[in-house]
C-alpha cells in the first residue's frame, strides 16, 4: 500500500518498593525489550519507483520527552540500518531487506520509589511505495532494571501495576540463578517421587 502506516501502543502506571531504598527517594528505571521482525523494499531501484520503510519503538514516561529506543530502516537499493547504524548481532541485512531480532534497552528514566509513575510505549511501522513491514506483536517488554538516586542498581524490589500485569523481574545474578535452578531441580525430583508413590487406598 502506498504510504501506509500502522501503530500499536500500551500504557500503564507502575510503582516500585524496596526495603533497601526509602519511599519517595529518587531513582531510575531502565526497560528491556525483545524486538524481532523484518522489513523489505521490493523491486529494483528505478526512477519514480519508490520504496522505503521503517519501524520505530518509542517510550515516554510521566508526560516527559518521547525517546526512541530503536529505528529500523530500509530504502530500496540500500542495506538496512538500525538507529542509523549497522544492525546489531541477531539481525541480517542485504540490499533492500532487514530481518532478525535482539534485545534493546531504554535510557535510564527518572522515577521515585514508592510513588506511581506513568509509562507509555508505542510502535510505529510506515511504508512508502512498494514495501513490506512485519513487526506485528513482536516488541515485548521482557525486563526492568531499577536504580537508586546514585545510580546503584537495586535488585531486591517489588513492582505493582495499575493494569495488574505481572511484569518480569530482573535477571538473577549467576549464583542466584544456579541456586534457583538447583531448587527447581529438587522440586521437580520431589514431584516425580510423589507421582510414583503408591496411591492411598
Protein backbone atom coordinates (compact mmCIF):
# COMPACT_ATOMS: atom_id res chain seq x y z
CA UNK A 1 0.00 0.00 0.00
CA UNK A 2 1.32 3.40 -0.92
CA UNK A 3 2.37 5.50 2.10
CA UNK A 4 0.64 3.30 4.67
CA UNK A 5 1.24 3.16 8.41
CA UNK A 6 0.30 1.01 11.35
CA UNK A 7 0.79 1.60 15.05
CA UNK A 8 0.29 -0.01 18.45
CA UNK A 9 0.80 1.28 21.97
CA UNK A 10 0.34 0.40 25.59
CA UNK A 11 0.40 2.43 28.78
CA UNK A 12 0.48 1.55 32.45
CA UNK A 13 1.14 3.02 35.88
CA UNK A 14 3.89 1.36 37.89
CA UNK A 15 5.06 1.63 41.50
CA UNK A 16 8.26 0.13 42.88
CA UNK A 17 9.11 -0.62 46.51
CA UNK A 18 12.31 -1.92 48.06
CA UNK A 19 13.40 -2.49 51.67
CA UNK A 20 16.78 -1.11 50.60
CA UNK A 21 15.51 2.28 49.41
CA UNK A 22 13.42 4.86 51.25
CA UNK A 23 10.00 5.65 49.82
CA UNK A 24 9.78 8.96 47.94
CA UNK A 25 13.52 8.94 47.23
CA UNK A 26 14.66 9.48 43.66
CA UNK A 27 15.62 6.63 41.39
CA UNK A 28 15.80 5.45 37.80
CA UNK A 29 14.22 2.71 35.72
CA UNK A 30 15.56 1.04 32.57
CA UNK A 31 13.25 -1.01 30.33
CA UNK A 32 14.32 -4.05 28.32
CA UNK A 33 12.55 -5.06 25.10
CA UNK A 34 12.91 -8.06 22.83
CA UNK A 35 12.16 -7.00 19.26
CA UNK A 36 12.07 -9.13 16.12
CA UNK A 37 10.61 -8.79 12.66
CA UNK A 38 11.52 -7.93 9.10
CA UNK A 39 11.25 -5.08 6.63
CA UNK A 40 11.88 -5.08 2.89
CA UNK A 41 11.57 -2.77 -0.10
CA UNK A 42 10.60 -4.86 -3.08
CA UNK A 43 11.85 -4.47 -6.65
CA UNK A 44 14.94 -2.89 -8.16
CA UNK A 45 15.77 0.83 -7.95
CA UNK A 46 14.30 2.85 -10.83
CA UNK A 47 13.26 6.47 -11.41
CA UNK A 48 9.92 7.25 -9.76
CA UNK A 49 9.73 3.69 -8.37
CA UNK A 50 9.72 4.38 -4.67
CA UNK A 51 10.37 2.01 -1.82
CA UNK A 52 11.19 2.91 1.76
CA UNK A 53 10.05 1.56 5.11
CA UNK A 54 10.86 1.89 8.78
CA UNK A 55 9.76 0.78 12.21
CA UNK A 56 10.19 2.88 15.36
CA UNK A 57 9.82 1.89 19.02
CA UNK A 58 9.35 4.89 21.35
CA UNK A 59 8.89 5.34 25.09
CA UNK A 60 7.54 8.20 27.20
CA UNK A 61 7.43 8.48 30.98
CA UNK A 62 5.41 10.92 33.10
CA UNK A 63 4.45 13.01 30.04
CA UNK A 64 8.11 13.82 29.56
CA UNK A 65 10.05 13.72 26.29
CA UNK A 66 9.48 10.87 23.86
CA UNK A 67 12.64 8.79 23.48
CA UNK A 68 13.42 6.50 20.59
CA UNK A 69 14.53 3.01 21.62
CA UNK A 70 15.23 1.86 18.08
CA UNK A 71 14.55 2.72 14.47
CA UNK A 72 14.79 0.00 11.80
CA UNK A 73 15.02 1.40 8.26
CA UNK A 74 15.37 0.13 4.70
CA UNK A 75 15.39 2.05 1.40
CA UNK A 76 15.25 0.31 -1.98
CA UNK A 77 18.77 -0.38 -3.23
CA UNK A 78 20.41 0.15 0.20
CA UNK A 79 21.21 -2.17 3.09
CA UNK A 80 19.13 -1.90 6.26
CA UNK A 81 20.10 0.06 9.34
CA UNK A 82 19.05 0.14 12.98
CA UNK A 83 19.14 3.50 14.74
CA UNK A 84 21.19 4.90 11.86
CA UNK A 85 23.97 2.32 12.03
CA UNK A 86 24.85 -1.27 11.27
CA UNK A 87 22.36 -3.76 12.73
CA UNK A 88 23.47 -5.44 15.98
CA UNK A 89 24.05 -9.17 16.39
CA UNK A 90 20.90 -11.14 15.70
CA UNK A 91 19.96 -9.15 12.58
CA UNK A 92 20.69 -9.87 8.94
CA UNK A 93 20.67 -7.25 6.21
CA UNK A 94 21.15 -7.31 2.47
CA UNK A 95 20.19 -4.93 -0.30
CA UNK A 96 16.62 -3.77 0.35
CA UNK A 97 15.94 -6.03 3.36
CA UNK A 98 16.48 -6.32 7.12
CA UNK A 99 15.34 -9.13 9.41
CA UNK A 100 16.13 -10.69 12.76
CA UNK A 101 15.76 -9.89 16.44
CA UNK A 102 17.65 -8.83 19.57
CA UNK A 103 17.32 -7.05 22.90
CA UNK A 104 17.11 -3.27 23.22
CA UNK A 105 17.19 -1.04 26.30
CA UNK A 106 15.65 2.33 27.02
CA UNK A 107 17.52 5.21 28.55
CA UNK A 108 17.53 5.31 32.36
CA UNK A 109 14.40 7.33 33.11
CA UNK A 110 13.69 9.10 36.42
CA UNK A 111 11.16 7.75 38.92
CA UNK A 112 10.52 7.93 42.68
CA UNK A 113 10.47 4.88 44.89
CA UNK A 114 7.10 4.13 46.44
CA UNK A 115 5.33 6.60 44.14
CA UNK A 116 3.47 5.72 40.92
CA UNK A 117 4.76 6.74 37.52
CA UNK A 118 3.15 6.52 34.10
CA UNK A 119 4.87 4.87 31.15
CA UNK A 120 3.75 4.74 27.51
CA UNK A 121 5.32 2.63 24.77
CA UNK A 122 4.48 2.94 21.09
CA UNK A 123 5.46 1.05 17.94
CA UNK A 124 5.00 2.61 14.51
CA UNK A 125 5.60 0.95 11.14
CA UNK A 126 5.49 3.04 7.96
CA UNK A 127 5.87 2.16 4.27
CA UNK A 128 6.32 4.45 1.27
CA UNK A 129 5.97 2.97 -2.16
CA UNK A 130 6.24 -0.79 -2.58
CA UNK A 131 7.46 -2.19 0.72
CA UNK A 132 6.71 -4.80 3.34
CA UNK A 133 6.94 -4.42 7.11
CA UNK A 134 6.24 -7.20 9.60
CA UNK A 135 6.64 -6.27 13.28
CA UNK A 136 3.19 -7.40 14.39
CA UNK A 137 3.21 -8.16 18.14
CA UNK A 138 6.98 -8.52 18.13
CA UNK A 139 8.10 -5.85 20.61
CA UNK A 140 7.88 -7.37 24.07
CA UNK A 141 8.78 -5.83 27.44
CA UNK A 142 10.96 -8.55 28.98
CA UNK A 143 12.57 -6.86 31.95
CA UNK A 144 13.06 -3.79 34.12
CA UNK A 145 16.14 -2.65 36.00
CA UNK A 146 15.79 -0.22 38.90
CA UNK A 147 18.40 2.08 40.44
CA UNK A 148 18.69 4.37 43.45
CA UNK A 149 19.48 8.10 43.29
CA UNK A 150 23.22 7.34 42.97
CA UNK A 151 22.57 5.02 40.03
CA UNK A 152 23.38 1.91 42.03
CA UNK A 153 21.26 -0.98 40.81
CA UNK A 154 18.62 -2.26 43.24
CA UNK A 155 17.91 -5.94 42.58
CA UNK A 156 15.58 -6.53 45.53
CA UNK A 157 12.28 -4.82 44.79
CA UNK A 158 8.54 -5.34 44.44
CA UNK A 159 6.68 -3.86 41.48
CA UNK A 160 2.95 -3.20 41.19
CA UNK A 161 1.00 -2.07 38.13
CA UNK A 162 -2.38 -0.39 37.74
CA UNK A 163 -3.22 -2.85 34.96
CA UNK A 164 -2.50 -5.86 37.18
CA UNK A 165 0.20 -7.04 34.77
CA UNK A 166 2.92 -9.11 36.43
CA UNK A 167 5.99 -7.60 34.81
CA UNK A 168 9.15 -9.70 34.73
CA UNK A 169 11.73 -9.26 37.46
CA UNK A 170 15.35 -8.56 36.63
CA UNK A 171 17.54 -11.48 35.58
CA UNK A 172 19.09 -13.08 38.71
CA UNK A 173 22.84 -12.95 39.32
CA UNK A 174 24.62 -16.14 38.16
CA UNK A 175 24.98 -17.50 41.70
CA UNK A 176 21.33 -16.79 42.44
CA UNK A 177 20.32 -18.36 39.14
CA UNK A 178 22.33 -21.51 39.95
CA UNK A 179 20.61 -21.78 43.33
CA UNK A 180 17.23 -21.20 41.70
CA UNK A 181 17.83 -23.92 39.08
CA UNK A 182 19.08 -26.27 41.80
CA UNK A 183 15.95 -25.58 43.83
CA UNK A 184 13.73 -26.21 40.83
CA UNK A 185 15.58 -29.46 40.17
CA UNK A 186 14.97 -30.64 43.74
CA UNK A 187 11.33 -29.56 43.47
CA UNK A 188 10.91 -31.49 40.21
CA UNK A 189 12.52 -34.55 41.77
CA UNK A 190 10.15 -34.33 44.74
CA UNK A 191 7.14 -34.05 42.44
CA UNK A 192 8.33 -37.05 40.42
CA UNK A 193 8.81 -39.18 43.53
CA UNK A 194 5.40 -38.19 44.81
CA UNK A 195 3.78 -39.10 41.50
CA UNK A 196 5.48 -42.52 41.60
CA UNK A 197 4.39 -43.35 45.15
CA UNK A 198 1.54 -45.87 45.51
CA UNK A 199 -1.90 -44.33 45.77
CA UNK A 200 -3.61 -44.49 49.16
CA UNK A 201 -6.50 -46.89 49.23
